[in-house]
Amino acid sequence: MSEAERPDRLTSGRRTTVEDIRELAGPSTPHFALQIRNRIQRLIDGLEEGDPARIEGERQIDRLTELARHSGDPRGMGPGPPAR
């Protein structure tokens, strides 16, 4: 699914829960870790500092960021041009 996976999670009036965060983060793989991280970030953006869902979200964001480092698809400039 796209990063807009479930718009109902973002509608006002619906409170983000720890279970929402775990539901998103649970099946993550290195390949999709950054997309899932971004979804979680959007879910917790409006939550107060001590909110349990925010705490869990921040924990999962750290985990997903680390997981993405092991994707086998490094993002960056690479080794550069071949030596002459």
C-alpha atoms as a PDB file:
ATOM      1  CA  MET A   1       0.000   0.000   0.000  1.00  0.00           C
ATOM      2  CA  SER A   2       1.009   3.602  -0.342  1.00  0.00           C
ATOM      3  CA  GLU A   3       2.125   5.792   2.533  1.00  0.00           C
ATOM      4  CA  ALA A   4      -1.511   6.916   2.843  1.00  0.00           C
ATOM      5  CA  GLU A   5      -2.361   3.340   3.811  1.00  0.00           C
ATOM      6  CA  ARG A   6      -5.362   3.979   6.072  1.00  0.00           C
ATOM      7  CA  PRO A   7      -6.690   7.529   6.037  1.00  0.00           C
ATOM      8  CA  ASP A   8      -9.073   6.715   8.905  1.00  0.00           C
ATOM      9  CA  ARG A   9      -6.053   6.623  11.220  1.00  0.00           C
ATOM     10  CA  LEU A  10      -5.411  10.288  10.470  1.00  0.00           C
ATOM     11  CA  THR A  11      -8.956  11.646  10.815  1.00  0.00           C
ATOM     12  CA  SER A  12      -9.553  14.060  13.632  1.00  0.00           C
ATOM     13  CA  GLY A  13     -11.563  12.696  16.499  1.00  0.00           C
ATOM     14  CA  ARG A  14      -9.938   9.275  16.290  1.00  0.00           C
ATOM     15  CA  ARG A  15      -7.248   8.773  18.896  1.00  0.00           C
ATOM     16  CA  THR A  16      -4.049   6.996  17.837  1.00  0.00           C
ATOM     17  CA  THR A  17      -3.376   3.985  20.038  1.00  0.00           C
ATOM     18  CA  VAL A  18      -0.331   1.909  20.922  1.00  0.00           C
ATOM     19  CA  GLU A  19      -2.041  -0.907  19.009  1.00  0.00           C
ATOM     20  CA  ASP A  20      -2.192   1.266  15.847  1.00  0.00           C
ATOM     21  CA  ILE A  21       1.561   1.781  16.089  1.00  0.00           C
ATOM     22  CA  ARG A  22       2.298  -1.888  16.697  1.00  0.00           C
ATOM     23  CA  GLU A  23      -0.020  -2.914  13.870  1.00  0.00           C
ATOM     24  CA  LEU A  24       1.972  -0.789  11.430  1.00  0.00           C
ATOM     25  CA  ALA A  25       5.443  -1.610  12.727  1.00  0.00           C
ATOM     26  CA  GLY A  26       5.013  -5.323  13.341  1.00  0.00           C
ATOM     27  CA  PRO A  27       5.274  -6.684   9.794  1.00  0.00           C
ATOM     28  CA  SER A  28       8.053  -4.329   8.707  1.00  0.00           C
ATOM     29  CA  THR A  29      10.927  -5.470   6.539  1.00  0.00           C
ATOM     30  CA  PRO A  30      14.133  -3.576   5.766  1.00  0.00           C
ATOM     31  CA  HIS A  31      12.840  -2.716   2.299  1.00  0.00           C
ATOM     32  CA  PHE A  32       9.713  -0.937   3.606  1.00  0.00           C
ATOM     33  CA  ALA A  33      11.026   0.296   6.953  1.00  0.00           C
ATOM     34  CA  LEU A  34      11.308   3.952   5.919  1.00  0.00           C
ATOM     35  CA  GLN A  35       7.777   4.112   4.507  1.00  0.00           C
ATOM     36  CA  ILE A  36       6.380   2.591   7.692  1.00  0.00           C
ATOM     37  CA  ARG A  37       8.498   4.960   9.769  1.00  0.00           C
ATOM     38  CA  ASN A  38       6.963   7.905   7.900  1.00  0.00           C
ATOM     39  CA  ARG A  39       3.423   6.626   8.500  1.00  0.00           C
ATOM     40  CA  ILE A  40       4.094   6.294  12.208  1.00  0.00           C
ATOM     41  CA  GLN A  41       5.613   9.783  12.349  1.00  0.00           C
ATOM     42  CA  ARG A  42       2.428  11.246  10.846  1.00  0.00           C
ATOM     43  CA  LEU A  43       0.319   9.363  13.381  1.00  0.00           C
ATOM     44  CA  ILE A  44       2.221  10.657  16.409  1.00  0.00           C
ATOM     45  CA  ASP A  45       2.892  14.234  15.241  1.00  0.00           C
ATOM     46  CA  GLY A  46      -0.027  15.735  17.176  1.00  0.00           C
ATOM     47  CA  LEU A  47       0.311  13.650  20.331  1.00  0.00           C
ATOM     48  CA  GLU A  48       1.603  15.008  23.621  1.00  0.00           C
ATOM     49  CA  GLU A  49       5.068  14.054  24.868  1.00  0.00           C
ATOM     50  CA  GLY A  50       3.931  11.547  27.495  1.00  0.00           C
ATOM     51  CA  ASP A  51       1.246   9.857  25.390  1.00  0.00           C
ATOM     52  CA  PRO A  52       1.794   6.072  25.362  1.00  0.00           C
ATOM     53  CA  ALA A  53       1.184   5.914  21.598  1.00  0.00           C
ATOM     54  CA  ARG A  54       3.801   8.637  21.028  1.00  0.00           C
ATOM     55  CA  ILE A  55       6.327   6.830  23.235  1.00  0.00           C
ATOM     56  CA  GLU A  56       5.751   3.567  21.355  1.00  0.00           C
ATOM     57  CA  GLY A  57       5.859   5.419  18.036  1.00  0.00           C
ATOM     58  CA  GLU A  58       9.207   7.012  18.826  1.00  0.00           C
ATOM     59  CA  ARG A  59      10.591   3.644  19.880  1.00  0.00           C
ATOM     60  CA  GLN A  60       9.408   2.048  16.642  1.00  0.00           C
ATOM     61  CA  ILE A  61      10.757   4.948  14.549  1.00  0.00           C
ATOM     62  CA  ASP A  62      14.224   4.333  16.015  1.00  0.00           C
ATOM     63  CA  ARG A  63      13.915   0.598  15.342  1.00  0.00           C
ATOM     64  CA  LEU A  64      12.698   1.107  11.770  1.00  0.00           C
ATOM     65  CA  THR A  65      15.461   3.608  11.003  1.00  0.00           C
ATOM     66  CA  GLU A  66      18.024   1.047  12.137  1.00  0.00           C
ATOM     67  CA  LEU A  67      16.256  -1.737  10.212  1.00  0.00           C
ATOM     68  CA  ALA A  68      16.393   0.328   7.007  1.00  0.00           C
ATOM     69  CA  ARG A  69      20.178   0.460   7.262  1.00  0.00           C
ATOM     70  CA  HIS A  70      20.193  -3.278   6.586  1.00  0.00           C
ATOM     71  CA  SER A  71      18.035  -3.241   3.467  1.00  0.00           C
ATOM     72  CA  GLY A  72      20.808  -4.175   1.057  1.00  0.00           C
ATOM     73  CA  ASP A  73      19.787  -1.090  -0.935  1.00  0.00           C
ATOM     74  CA  PRO A  74      21.949   1.707   0.490  1.00  0.00           C
ATOM     75  CA  ARG A  75      20.808   5.204  -0.367  1.00  0.00           C
ATOM     76  CA  GLY A  76      23.593   7.584  -1.154  1.00  0.00           C
ATOM     77  CA  MET A  77      26.245   8.519  -3.628  1.00  0.00           C
ATOM     78  CA  GLY A  78      27.918   5.123  -3.818  1.00  0.00           C
ATOM     79  CA  PRO A  79      31.626   4.493  -4.360  1.00  0.00           C
ATOM     80  CA  GLY A  80      32.073   7.052  -7.128  1.00  0.00           C
ATOM     81  CA  PRO A  81      33.429   6.658 -10.653  1.00  0.00           C
ATOM     82  CA  PRO A  82      35.884   3.864 -11.451  1.00  0.00           C
ATOM     83  CA  ALA A  83      39.595   4.627 -11.072  1.00  0.00           C
ATOM     84  CA  ARG A  84      41.442   5.471 -14.283  1.00  0.00           C
END
